[in-house]
Each structure stands twice: as C-alpha cells, then as structure tokens.
Amino acid sequence: TLFAVYIATTLEWLMREGVPQQWLSQTMRTRLRLVWEGV
C-alpha cells in the first residue's frame, strides 16, 4: 500500500505542470503519513 501511494504520487507529480516547488515532498509526506496511520 505504501509503495502504491509512493508511485502514484510520483506519477501525478510528473504529469502535473506548474506545481509549486515543494508540492512533491509535502504531498508525499502527507499521503504516506495518512496511509501509515491506517496500516
């Protein structure tokens, strides 16, 4: 589950244009933390 969220977030970042510089690190940290709390 953690790996799937990591890959999906990375792919989303690659597909987005014009996202703020810290988008990937902030979004990744938030999503992985939420998943980790669930499992």
PDB file of all heavy atoms in Angstrom:
ATOM      1  N   THR A   1       0.824  -1.205   0.000  1.00  0.00           N
ATOM      2  CA  THR A   1       0.000   0.000   0.000  1.00  0.00           C
ATOM      3  C   THR A   1       0.860   1.258   0.000  1.00  0.00           C
ATOM      4  O   THR A   1       0.617   2.189  -0.776  1.00  0.00           O
ATOM      5  CB  THR A   1      -0.954  -0.007   1.210  1.00  0.00           C
ATOM      6  OG1 THR A   1      -1.728  -1.211   1.184  1.00  0.00           O
ATOM      7  CG2 THR A   1      -1.886   1.188   1.187  1.00  0.00           C
ATOM      8  N   LEU A   2       1.875   1.289   0.851  1.00  0.00           N
ATOM      9  CA  LEU A   2       2.777   2.441   0.891  1.00  0.00           C
ATOM     10  C   LEU A   2       3.486   2.624  -0.445  1.00  0.00           C
ATOM     11  O   LEU A   2       3.613   3.746  -0.948  1.00  0.00           O
ATOM     12  CB  LEU A   2       3.792   2.279   2.022  1.00  0.00           C
ATOM     13  CG  LEU A   2       3.238   2.449   3.434  1.00  0.00           C
ATOM     14  CD1 LEU A   2       4.231   1.904   4.454  1.00  0.00           C
ATOM     15  CD2 LEU A   2       2.927   3.902   3.710  1.00  0.00           C
ATOM     16  N   PHE A   3       3.935   1.533  -1.043  1.00  0.00           N
ATOM     17  CA  PHE A   3       4.627   1.609  -2.325  1.00  0.00           C
ATOM     18  C   PHE A   3       3.689   2.117  -3.419  1.00  0.00           C
ATOM     19  O   PHE A   3       4.080   2.950  -4.243  1.00  0.00           O
ATOM     20  CB  PHE A   3       5.214   0.250  -2.705  1.00  0.00           C
ATOM     21  CG  PHE A   3       6.081   0.312  -3.918  1.00  0.00           C
ATOM     22  CD1 PHE A   3       7.382   0.771  -3.832  1.00  0.00           C
ATOM     23  CD2 PHE A   3       5.599  -0.084  -5.156  1.00  0.00           C
ATOM     24  CE1 PHE A   3       8.202   0.844  -4.956  1.00  0.00           C
ATOM     25  CE2 PHE A   3       6.403  -0.022  -6.286  1.00  0.00           C
ATOM     26  CZ  PHE A   3       7.701   0.447  -6.183  1.00  0.00           C
ATOM     27  N   ALA A   4       2.456   1.660  -3.410  1.00  0.00           N
ATOM     28  CA  ALA A   4       1.481   2.106  -4.413  1.00  0.00           C
ATOM     29  C   ALA A   4       1.216   3.607  -4.297  1.00  0.00           C
ATOM     30  O   ALA A   4       1.147   4.316  -5.309  1.00  0.00           O
ATOM     31  CB  ALA A   4       0.177   1.321  -4.261  1.00  0.00           C
ATOM     32  N   VAL A   5       1.076   4.091  -3.083  1.00  0.00           N
ATOM     33  CA  VAL A   5       0.856   5.523  -2.883  1.00  0.00           C
ATOM     34  C   VAL A   5       2.083   6.317  -3.318  1.00  0.00           C
ATOM     35  O   VAL A   5       1.967   7.365  -3.955  1.00  0.00           O
ATOM     36  CB  VAL A   5       0.486   5.824  -1.407  1.00  0.00           C
ATOM     37  CG1 VAL A   5       0.511   7.317  -1.119  1.00  0.00           C
ATOM     38  CG2 VAL A   5      -0.873   5.239  -1.094  1.00  0.00           C
ATOM     39  N   TYR A   6       3.268   5.804  -3.011  1.00  0.00           N
ATOM     40  CA  TYR A   6       4.508   6.463  -3.422  1.00  0.00           C
ATOM     41  C   TYR A   6       4.584   6.586  -4.953  1.00  0.00           C
ATOM     42  O   TYR A   6       4.844   7.665  -5.499  1.00  0.00           O
ATOM     43  CB  TYR A   6       5.712   5.682  -2.889  1.00  0.00           C
ATOM     44  CG  TYR A   6       7.029   6.167  -3.421  1.00  0.00           C
ATOM     45  CD1 TYR A   6       7.645   7.278  -2.864  1.00  0.00           C
ATOM     46  CD2 TYR A   6       7.637   5.533  -4.489  1.00  0.00           C
ATOM     47  CE1 TYR A   6       8.851   7.738  -3.366  1.00  0.00           C
ATOM     48  CE2 TYR A   6       8.844   5.981  -4.996  1.00  0.00           C
ATOM     49  CZ  TYR A   6       9.447   7.090  -4.429  1.00  0.00           C
ATOM     50  OH  TYR A   6      10.623   7.548  -4.940  1.00  0.00           O
ATOM     51  N   ILE A   7       4.337   5.497  -5.652  1.00  0.00           N
ATOM     52  CA  ILE A   7       4.411   5.500  -7.114  1.00  0.00           C
ATOM     53  C   ILE A   7       3.325   6.394  -7.711  1.00  0.00           C
ATOM     54  O   ILE A   7       3.592   7.193  -8.625  1.00  0.00           O
ATOM     55  CB  ILE A   7       4.303   4.062  -7.674  1.00  0.00           C
ATOM     56  CG1 ILE A   7       5.547   3.259  -7.301  1.00  0.00           C
ATOM     57  CG2 ILE A   7       4.081   4.067  -9.180  1.00  0.00           C
ATOM     58  CD1 ILE A   7       6.835   3.779  -7.915  1.00  0.00           C
ATOM     59  N   ALA A   8       2.114   6.297  -7.213  1.00  0.00           N
ATOM     60  CA  ALA A   8       1.012   7.103  -7.752  1.00  0.00           C
ATOM     61  C   ALA A   8       1.276   8.598  -7.547  1.00  0.00           C
ATOM     62  O   ALA A   8       1.020   9.408  -8.451  1.00  0.00           O
ATOM     63  CB  ALA A   8      -0.307   6.705  -7.092  1.00  0.00           C
ATOM     64  N   THR A   9       1.786   8.965  -6.391  1.00  0.00           N
ATOM     65  CA  THR A   9       2.076  10.371  -6.122  1.00  0.00           C
ATOM     66  C   THR A   9       3.202  10.871  -7.024  1.00  0.00           C
ATOM     67  O   THR A   9       3.134  11.983  -7.556  1.00  0.00           O
ATOM     68  CB  THR A   9       2.429  10.580  -4.636  1.00  0.00           C
ATOM     69  OG1 THR A   9       1.337  10.111  -3.836  1.00  0.00           O
ATOM     70  CG2 THR A   9       2.680  12.049  -4.323  1.00  0.00           C
ATOM     71  N   THR A  10       4.217  10.054  -7.227  1.00  0.00           N
ATOM     72  CA  THR A  10       5.317  10.430  -8.107  1.00  0.00           C
ATOM     73  C   THR A  10       4.819  10.608  -9.537  1.00  0.00           C
ATOM     74  O   THR A  10       5.171  11.582 -10.213  1.00  0.00           O
ATOM     75  CB  THR A  10       6.440   9.381  -8.051  1.00  0.00           C
ATOM     76  OG1 THR A  10       6.896   9.269  -6.701  1.00  0.00           O
ATOM     77  CG2 THR A  10       7.603   9.765  -8.945  1.00  0.00           C
ATOM     78  N   LEU A  11       3.985   9.691 -10.016  1.00  0.00           N
ATOM     79  CA  LEU A  11       3.433   9.808 -11.364  1.00  0.00           C
ATOM     80  C   LEU A  11       2.551  11.048 -11.495  1.00  0.00           C
ATOM     81  O   LEU A  11       2.589  11.743 -12.519  1.00  0.00           O
ATOM     82  CB  LEU A  11       2.647   8.551 -11.732  1.00  0.00           C
ATOM     83  CG  LEU A  11       3.482   7.304 -11.985  1.00  0.00           C
ATOM     84  CD1 LEU A  11       2.581   6.089 -12.182  1.00  0.00           C
ATOM     85  CD2 LEU A  11       4.390   7.492 -13.182  1.00  0.00           C
ATOM     86  N   GLU A  12       1.770  11.331 -10.483  1.00  0.00           N
ATOM     87  CA  GLU A  12       0.928  12.525 -10.507  1.00  0.00           C
ATOM     88  C   GLU A  12       1.794  13.780 -10.628  1.00  0.00           C
ATOM     89  O   GLU A  12       1.507  14.683 -11.402  1.00  0.00           O
ATOM     90  CB  GLU A  12       0.070  12.592  -9.249  1.00  0.00           C
ATOM     91  CG  GLU A  12      -0.863  13.785  -9.224  1.00  0.00           C
ATOM     92  CD  GLU A  12      -1.715  13.858  -7.977  1.00  0.00           C
ATOM     93  OE1 GLU A  12      -1.692  12.918  -7.158  1.00  0.00           O
ATOM     94  OE2 GLU A  12      -2.403  14.878  -7.824  1.00  0.00           O
ATOM     95  N   TRP A  13       2.884  13.822  -9.871  1.00  0.00           N
ATOM     96  CA  TRP A  13       3.801  14.960  -9.921  1.00  0.00           C
ATOM     97  C   TRP A  13       4.419  15.108 -11.314  1.00  0.00           C
ATOM     98  O   TRP A  13       4.552  16.213 -11.838  1.00  0.00           O
ATOM     99  CB  TRP A  13       4.886  14.777  -8.859  1.00  0.00           C
ATOM    100  CG  TRP A  13       5.973  15.783  -8.912  1.00  0.00           C
ATOM    101  CD1 TRP A  13       5.895  17.105  -8.564  1.00  0.00           C
ATOM    102  CD2 TRP A  13       7.327  15.565  -9.331  1.00  0.00           C
ATOM    103  NE1 TRP A  13       7.110  17.715  -8.733  1.00  0.00           N
ATOM    104  CE2 TRP A  13       8.001  16.787  -9.207  1.00  0.00           C
ATOM    105  CE3 TRP A  13       8.013  14.451  -9.788  1.00  0.00           C
ATOM    106  CZ2 TRP A  13       9.347  16.928  -9.530  1.00  0.00           C
ATOM    107  CZ3 TRP A  13       9.348  14.582 -10.109  1.00  0.00           C
ATOM    108  CH2 TRP A  13       9.995  15.813  -9.975  1.00  0.00           C
ATOM    109  N   LEU A  14       4.788  13.979 -11.924  1.00  0.00           N
ATOM    110  CA  LEU A  14       5.367  14.017 -13.264  1.00  0.00           C
ATOM    111  C   LEU A  14       4.379  14.542 -14.308  1.00  0.00           C
ATOM    112  O   LEU A  14       4.769  15.182 -15.285  1.00  0.00           O
ATOM    113  CB  LEU A  14       5.856  12.630 -13.679  1.00  0.00           C
ATOM    114  CG  LEU A  14       7.094  12.114 -12.943  1.00  0.00           C
ATOM    115  CD1 LEU A  14       7.324  10.648 -13.268  1.00  0.00           C
ATOM    116  CD2 LEU A  14       8.311  12.947 -13.314  1.00  0.00           C
ATOM    117  N   MET A  15       3.095  14.255 -14.097  1.00  0.00           N
ATOM    118  CA  MET A  15       2.076  14.653 -15.071  1.00  0.00           C
ATOM    119  C   MET A  15       1.606  16.095 -14.886  1.00  0.00           C
ATOM    120  O   MET A  15       1.109  16.697 -15.827  1.00  0.00           O
ATOM    121  CB  MET A  15       0.862  13.710 -14.957  1.00  0.00           C
ATOM    122  CG  MET A  15       1.190  12.257 -15.188  1.00  0.00           C
ATOM    123  SD  MET A  15       1.668  11.914 -16.868  1.00  0.00           S
ATOM    124  CE  MET A  15       0.094  11.928 -17.649  1.00  0.00           C
ATOM    125  N   ARG A  16       1.745  16.623 -13.700  1.00  0.00           N
ATOM    126  CA  ARG A  16       1.286  17.989 -13.431  1.00  0.00           C
ATOM    127  C   ARG A  16       2.290  19.000 -13.956  1.00  0.00           C
ATOM    128  O   ARG A  16       3.483  18.805 -13.865  1.00  0.00           O
ATOM    129  CB  ARG A  16       1.113  18.217 -11.931  1.00  0.00           C
ATOM    130  CG  ARG A  16      -0.062  17.520 -11.347  1.00  0.00           C
ATOM    131  CD  ARG A  16      -0.085  17.766  -9.845  1.00  0.00           C
ATOM    132  NE  ARG A  16      -1.348  17.382  -9.300  1.00  0.00           N
ATOM    133  CZ  ARG A  16      -2.165  18.211  -8.669  1.00  0.00           C
ATOM    134  NH1 ARG A  16      -1.829  19.461  -8.481  1.00  0.00           N
ATOM    135  NH2 ARG A  16      -3.310  17.779  -8.204  1.00  0.00           N
ATOM    136  N   GLU A  17       1.781  20.090 -14.439  1.00  0.00           N
ATOM    137  CA  GLU A  17       2.651  21.173 -14.874  1.00  0.00           C
ATOM    138  C   GLU A  17       2.417  22.366 -13.957  1.00  0.00           C
ATOM    139  O   GLU A  17       1.300  22.634 -13.537  1.00  0.00           O
ATOM    140  CB  GLU A  17       2.345  21.565 -16.316  1.00  0.00           C
ATOM    141  CG  GLU A  17       2.733  20.488 -17.311  1.00  0.00           C
ATOM    142  CD  GLU A  17       2.515  20.934 -18.739  1.00  0.00           C
ATOM    143  OE1 GLU A  17       2.427  22.141 -18.991  1.00  0.00           O
ATOM    144  OE2 GLU A  17       2.433  20.050 -19.590  1.00  0.00           O
ATOM    145  N   GLY A  18       3.486  23.056 -13.656  1.00  0.00           N
ATOM    146  CA  GLY A  18       3.369  24.287 -12.891  1.00  0.00           C
ATOM    147  C   GLY A  18       3.045  24.118 -11.419  1.00  0.00           C
ATOM    148  O   GLY A  18       2.499  25.039 -10.811  1.00  0.00           O
ATOM    149  N   VAL A  19       3.358  22.972 -10.845  1.00  0.00           N
ATOM    150  CA  VAL A  19       3.109  22.810  -9.411  1.00  0.00           C
ATOM    151  C   VAL A  19       4.209  23.529  -8.632  1.00  0.00           C
ATOM    152  O   VAL A  19       5.334  23.666  -9.114  1.00  0.00           O
ATOM    153  CB  VAL A  19       3.035  21.323  -8.988  1.00  0.00           C
ATOM    154  CG1 VAL A  19       1.842  20.650  -9.615  1.00  0.00           C
ATOM    155  CG2 VAL A  19       4.304  20.595  -9.304  1.00  0.00           C
ATOM    156  N   PRO A  20       3.900  23.989  -7.429  1.00  0.00           N
ATOM    157  CA  PRO A  20       4.929  24.643  -6.611  1.00  0.00           C
ATOM    158  C   PRO A  20       6.115  23.708  -6.362  1.00  0.00           C
ATOM    159  O   PRO A  20       5.984  22.484  -6.396  1.00  0.00           O
ATOM    160  CB  PRO A  20       4.200  24.946  -5.298  1.00  0.00           C
ATOM    161  CG  PRO A  20       2.755  24.903  -5.627  1.00  0.00           C
ATOM    162  CD  PRO A  20       2.609  23.958  -6.772  1.00  0.00           C
ATOM    163  N   GLN A  21       7.251  24.288  -6.104  1.00  0.00           N
ATOM    164  CA  GLN A  21       8.488  23.528  -5.952  1.00  0.00           C
ATOM    165  C   GLN A  21       8.394  22.443  -4.875  1.00  0.00           C
ATOM    166  O   GLN A  21       8.927  21.362  -5.027  1.00  0.00           O
ATOM    167  CB  GLN A  21       9.623  24.484  -5.620  1.00  0.00           C
ATOM    168  CG  GLN A  21      10.976  23.820  -5.585  1.00  0.00           C
ATOM    169  CD  GLN A  21      12.079  24.840  -5.379  1.00  0.00           C
ATOM    170  OE1 GLN A  21      11.814  26.018  -5.189  1.00  0.00           O
ATOM    171  NE2 GLN A  21      13.308  24.395  -5.417  1.00  0.00           N
ATOM    172  N   GLN A  22       7.719  22.705  -3.792  1.00  0.00           N
ATOM    173  CA  GLN A  22       7.651  21.755  -2.681  1.00  0.00           C
ATOM    174  C   GLN A  22       6.448  20.806  -2.752  1.00  0.00           C
ATOM    175  O   GLN A  22       6.201  20.049  -1.820  1.00  0.00           O
ATOM    176  CB  GLN A  22       7.603  22.515  -1.354  1.00  0.00           C
ATOM    177  CG  GLN A  22       8.839  23.341  -1.092  1.00  0.00           C
ATOM    178  CD  GLN A  22      10.080  22.479  -1.032  1.00  0.00           C
ATOM    179  OE1 GLN A  22      10.072  21.409  -0.433  1.00  0.00           O
ATOM    180  NE2 GLN A  22      11.145  22.926  -1.664  1.00  0.00           N
ATOM    181  N   TRP A  23       5.699  20.833  -3.844  1.00  0.00           N
ATOM    182  CA  TRP A  23       4.485  20.024  -3.930  1.00  0.00           C
ATOM    183  C   TRP A  23       4.761  18.553  -3.686  1.00  0.00           C
ATOM    184  O   TRP A  23       4.078  17.904  -2.898  1.00  0.00           O
ATOM    185  CB  TRP A  23       3.808  20.199  -5.296  1.00  0.00           C
ATOM    186  CG  TRP A  23       2.507  19.463  -5.387  1.00  0.00           C
ATOM    187  CD1 TRP A  23       1.277  19.951  -5.073  1.00  0.00           C
ATOM    188  CD2 TRP A  23       2.306  18.101  -5.781  1.00  0.00           C
ATOM    189  NE1 TRP A  23       0.323  18.981  -5.256  1.00  0.00           N
ATOM    190  CE2 TRP A  23       0.932  17.832  -5.698  1.00  0.00           C
ATOM    191  CE3 TRP A  23       3.149  17.087  -6.206  1.00  0.00           C
ATOM    192  CZ2 TRP A  23       0.372  16.601  -6.013  1.00  0.00           C
ATOM    193  CZ3 TRP A  23       2.594  15.854  -6.519  1.00  0.00           C
ATOM    194  CH2 TRP A  23       1.216  15.622  -6.430  1.00  0.00           C
ATOM    195  N   LEU A  24       5.747  17.997  -4.367  1.00  0.00           N
ATOM    196  CA  LEU A  24       6.005  16.555  -4.253  1.00  0.00           C
ATOM    197  C   LEU A  24       6.353  16.156  -2.831  1.00  0.00           C
ATOM    198  O   LEU A  24       5.766  15.226  -2.279  1.00  0.00           O
ATOM    199  CB  LEU A  24       7.109  16.110  -5.208  1.00  0.00           C
ATOM    200  CG  LEU A  24       7.457  14.621  -5.162  1.00  0.00           C
ATOM    201  CD1 LEU A  24       6.245  13.766  -5.522  1.00  0.00           C
ATOM    202  CD2 LEU A  24       8.616  14.308  -6.083  1.00  0.00           C
ATOM    203  N   SER A  25       7.291  16.845  -2.212  1.00  0.00           N
ATOM    204  CA  SER A  25       7.716  16.443  -0.865  1.00  0.00           C
ATOM    205  C   SER A  25       6.588  16.621   0.155  1.00  0.00           C
ATOM    206  O   SER A  25       6.368  15.754   0.998  1.00  0.00           O
ATOM    207  CB  SER A  25       8.960  17.204  -0.425  1.00  0.00           C
ATOM    208  OG  SER A  25       8.716  18.587  -0.397  1.00  0.00           O
ATOM    209  N   GLN A  26       5.847  17.710   0.055  1.00  0.00           N
ATOM    210  CA  GLN A  26       4.750  17.931   1.006  1.00  0.00           C
ATOM    211  C   GLN A  26       3.622  16.940   0.803  1.00  0.00           C
ATOM    212  O   GLN A  26       3.090  16.370   1.763  1.00  0.00           O
ATOM    213  CB  GLN A  26       4.223  19.360   0.875  1.00  0.00           C
ATOM    214  CG  GLN A  26       5.197  20.408   1.347  1.00  0.00           C
ATOM    215  CD  GLN A  26       4.745  21.823   1.009  1.00  0.00           C
ATOM    216  OE1 GLN A  26       3.805  22.022   0.242  1.00  0.00           O
ATOM    217  NE2 GLN A  26       5.423  22.800   1.578  1.00  0.00           N
ATOM    218  N   THR A  27       3.254  16.718  -0.446  1.00  0.00           N
ATOM    219  CA  THR A  27       2.155  15.793  -0.747  1.00  0.00           C
ATOM    220  C   THR A  27       2.542  14.362  -0.395  1.00  0.00           C
ATOM    221  O   THR A  27       1.748  13.621   0.190  1.00  0.00           O
ATOM    222  CB  THR A  27       1.763  15.900  -2.237  1.00  0.00           C
ATOM    223  OG1 THR A  27       1.436  17.258  -2.523  1.00  0.00           O
ATOM    224  CG2 THR A  27       0.586  15.015  -2.568  1.00  0.00           C
ATOM    225  N   MET A  28       3.770  13.982  -0.734  1.00  0.00           N
ATOM    226  CA  MET A  28       4.241  12.634  -0.432  1.00  0.00           C
ATOM    227  C   MET A  28       4.227  12.390   1.072  1.00  0.00           C
ATOM    228  O   MET A  28       3.727  11.369   1.552  1.00  0.00           O
ATOM    229  CB  MET A  28       5.660  12.429  -0.975  1.00  0.00           C
ATOM    230  CG  MET A  28       6.154  11.013  -0.884  1.00  0.00           C
ATOM    231  SD  MET A  28       5.371   9.889  -2.042  1.00  0.00           S
ATOM    232  CE  MET A  28       6.146  10.409  -3.577  1.00  0.00           C
ATOM    233  N   ARG A  29       4.763  13.329   1.817  1.00  0.00           N
ATOM    234  CA  ARG A  29       4.810  13.191   3.281  1.00  0.00           C
ATOM    235  C   ARG A  29       3.398  13.047   3.859  1.00  0.00           C
ATOM    236  O   ARG A  29       3.142  12.165   4.681  1.00  0.00           O
ATOM    237  CB  ARG A  29       5.509  14.423   3.880  1.00  0.00           C
ATOM    238  CG  ARG A  29       5.821  14.291   5.346  1.00  0.00           C
ATOM    239  CD  ARG A  29       6.601  15.500   5.875  1.00  0.00           C
ATOM    240  NE  ARG A  29       7.839  15.711   5.130  1.00  0.00           N
ATOM    241  CZ  ARG A  29       8.099  16.806   4.396  1.00  0.00           C
ATOM    242  NH1 ARG A  29       7.228  17.780   4.307  1.00  0.00           N
ATOM    243  NH2 ARG A  29       9.250  16.917   3.757  1.00  0.00           N
ATOM    244  N   THR A  30       2.479  13.879   3.397  1.00  0.00           N
ATOM    245  CA  THR A  30       1.106  13.847   3.902  1.00  0.00           C
ATOM    246  C   THR A  30       0.416  12.532   3.567  1.00  0.00           C
ATOM    247  O   THR A  30      -0.187  11.892   4.431  1.00  0.00           O
ATOM    248  CB  THR A  30       0.301  15.023   3.325  1.00  0.00           C
ATOM    249  OG1 THR A  30       0.935  16.246   3.710  1.00  0.00           O
ATOM    250  CG2 THR A  30      -1.128  15.009   3.833  1.00  0.00           C
ATOM    251  N   ARG A  31       0.510  12.116   2.316  1.00  0.00           N
ATOM    252  CA  ARG A  31      -0.172  10.885   1.896  1.00  0.00           C
ATOM    253  C   ARG A  31       0.402   9.647   2.567  1.00  0.00           C
ATOM    254  O   ARG A  31      -0.345   8.781   3.025  1.00  0.00           O
ATOM    255  CB  ARG A  31      -0.095  10.743   0.385  1.00  0.00           C
ATOM    256  CG  ARG A  31      -0.959  11.751  -0.332  1.00  0.00           C
ATOM    257  CD  ARG A  31      -0.830  11.642  -1.818  1.00  0.00           C
ATOM    258  NE  ARG A  31      -1.679  12.626  -2.479  1.00  0.00           N
ATOM    259  CZ  ARG A  31      -1.753  12.795  -3.787  1.00  0.00           C
ATOM    260  NH1 ARG A  31      -1.029  12.031  -4.584  1.00  0.00           N
ATOM    261  NH2 ARG A  31      -2.530  13.716  -4.306  1.00  0.00           N
ATOM    262  N   LEU A  32       1.723   9.555   2.636  1.00  0.00           N
ATOM    263  CA  LEU A  32       2.330   8.385   3.271  1.00  0.00           C
ATOM    264  C   LEU A  32       2.038   8.346   4.770  1.00  0.00           C
ATOM    265  O   LEU A  32       1.818   7.276   5.326  1.00  0.00           O
ATOM    266  CB  LEU A  32       3.832   8.346   3.008  1.00  0.00           C
ATOM    267  CG  LEU A  32       4.239   8.050   1.563  1.00  0.00           C
ATOM    268  CD1 LEU A  32       5.749   8.139   1.405  1.00  0.00           C
ATOM    269  CD2 LEU A  32       3.713   6.709   1.101  1.00  0.00           C
ATOM    270  N   ARG A  33       1.993   9.509   5.400  1.00  0.00           N
ATOM    271  CA  ARG A  33       1.641   9.552   6.821  1.00  0.00           C
ATOM    272  C   ARG A  33       0.221   9.066   7.049  1.00  0.00           C
ATOM    273  O   ARG A  33      -0.041   8.283   7.978  1.00  0.00           O
ATOM    274  CB  ARG A  33       1.807  10.974   7.355  1.00  0.00           C
ATOM    275  CG  ARG A  33       1.609  11.058   8.875  1.00  0.00           C
ATOM    276  CD  ARG A  33       1.833  12.464   9.420  1.00  0.00           C
ATOM    277  NE  ARG A  33       3.210  12.874   9.161  1.00  0.00           N
ATOM    278  CZ  ARG A  33       3.536  14.069   8.640  1.00  0.00           C
ATOM    279  NH1 ARG A  33       2.614  14.945   8.311  1.00  0.00           N
ATOM    280  NH2 ARG A  33       4.803  14.374   8.451  1.00  0.00           N
ATOM    281  N   LEU A  34      -0.713   9.487   6.195  1.00  0.00           N
ATOM    282  CA  LEU A  34      -2.087   9.038   6.338  1.00  0.00           C
ATOM    283  C   LEU A  34      -2.232   7.530   6.127  1.00  0.00           C
ATOM    284  O   LEU A  34      -2.922   6.852   6.887  1.00  0.00           O
ATOM    285  CB  LEU A  34      -2.982   9.769   5.328  1.00  0.00           C
ATOM    286  CG  LEU A  34      -3.306  11.224   5.664  1.00  0.00           C
ATOM    287  CD1 LEU A  34      -3.990  11.894   4.483  1.00  0.00           C
ATOM    288  CD2 LEU A  34      -4.183  11.297   6.899  1.00  0.00           C
ATOM    289  N   VAL A  35      -1.549   7.017   5.125  1.00  0.00           N
ATOM    290  CA  VAL A  35      -1.595   5.571   4.878  1.00  0.00           C
ATOM    291  C   VAL A  35      -0.974   4.827   6.041  1.00  0.00           C
ATOM    292  O   VAL A  35      -1.510   3.819   6.513  1.00  0.00           O
ATOM    293  CB  VAL A  35      -0.888   5.226   3.546  1.00  0.00           C
ATOM    294  CG1 VAL A  35      -0.738   3.721   3.402  1.00  0.00           C
ATOM    295  CG2 VAL A  35      -1.647   5.803   2.376  1.00  0.00           C
ATOM    296  N   TRP A  36       0.177   5.305   6.514  1.00  0.00           N
ATOM    297  CA  TRP A  36       0.866   4.635   7.621  1.00  0.00           C
ATOM    298  C   TRP A  36      -0.025   4.572   8.851  1.00  0.00           C
ATOM    299  O   TRP A  36      -0.077   3.547   9.541  1.00  0.00           O
ATOM    300  CB  TRP A  36       2.174   5.349   7.935  1.00  0.00           C
ATOM    301  CG  TRP A  36       2.930   4.675   9.021  1.00  0.00           C
ATOM    302  CD1 TRP A  36       3.132   5.141  10.293  1.00  0.00           C
ATOM    303  CD2 TRP A  36       3.564   3.394   8.979  1.00  0.00           C
ATOM    304  NE1 TRP A  36       3.862   4.234  11.035  1.00  0.00           N
ATOM    305  CE2 TRP A  36       4.132   3.153  10.239  1.00  0.00           C
ATOM    306  CE3 TRP A  36       3.719   2.436   7.997  1.00  0.00           C
ATOM    307  CZ2 TRP A  36       4.834   1.990  10.529  1.00  0.00           C
ATOM    308  CZ3 TRP A  36       4.408   1.283   8.292  1.00  0.00           C
ATOM    309  CH2 TRP A  36       4.966   1.075   9.546  1.00  0.00           C
ATOM    310  N   GLU A  37      -0.754   5.651   9.143  1.00  0.00           N
ATOM    311  CA  GLU A  37      -1.659   5.645  10.295  1.00  0.00           C
ATOM    312  C   GLU A  37      -2.753   4.608  10.140  1.00  0.00           C
ATOM    313  O   GLU A  37      -3.232   4.051  11.126  1.00  0.00           O
ATOM    314  CB  GLU A  37      -2.256   7.036  10.489  1.00  0.00           C
ATOM    315  CG  GLU A  37      -1.282   8.056  11.001  1.00  0.00           C
ATOM    316  CD  GLU A  37      -1.841   9.463  11.078  1.00  0.00           C
ATOM    317  OE1 GLU A  37      -3.063   9.643  10.832  1.00  0.00           O
ATOM    318  OE2 GLU A  37      -1.075  10.376  11.368  1.00  0.00           O
ATOM    319  N   GLY A  38      -3.141   4.335   8.900  1.00  0.00           N
ATOM    320  CA  GLY A  38      -4.181   3.349   8.660  1.00  0.00           C
ATOM    321  C   GLY A  38      -3.720   1.906   8.733  1.00  0.00           C
ATOM    322  O   GLY A  38      -4.501   1.014   9.027  1.00  0.00           O
ATOM    323  N   VAL A  39      -2.430   1.661   8.503  1.00  0.00           N
ATOM    324  CA  VAL A  39      -1.967   0.276   8.461  1.00  0.00           C
ATOM    325  C   VAL A  39      -0.974  -0.069   9.554  1.00  0.00           C
ATOM    326  O   VAL A  39      -0.654  -1.240   9.758  1.00  0.00           O
ATOM    327  CB  VAL A  39      -1.319  -0.070   7.094  1.00  0.00           C
ATOM    328  CG1 VAL A  39      -2.333   0.031   5.994  1.00  0.00           C
ATOM    329  CG2 VAL A  39      -0.101   0.782   6.824  1.00  0.00           C
TER     330      VAL A  39
END
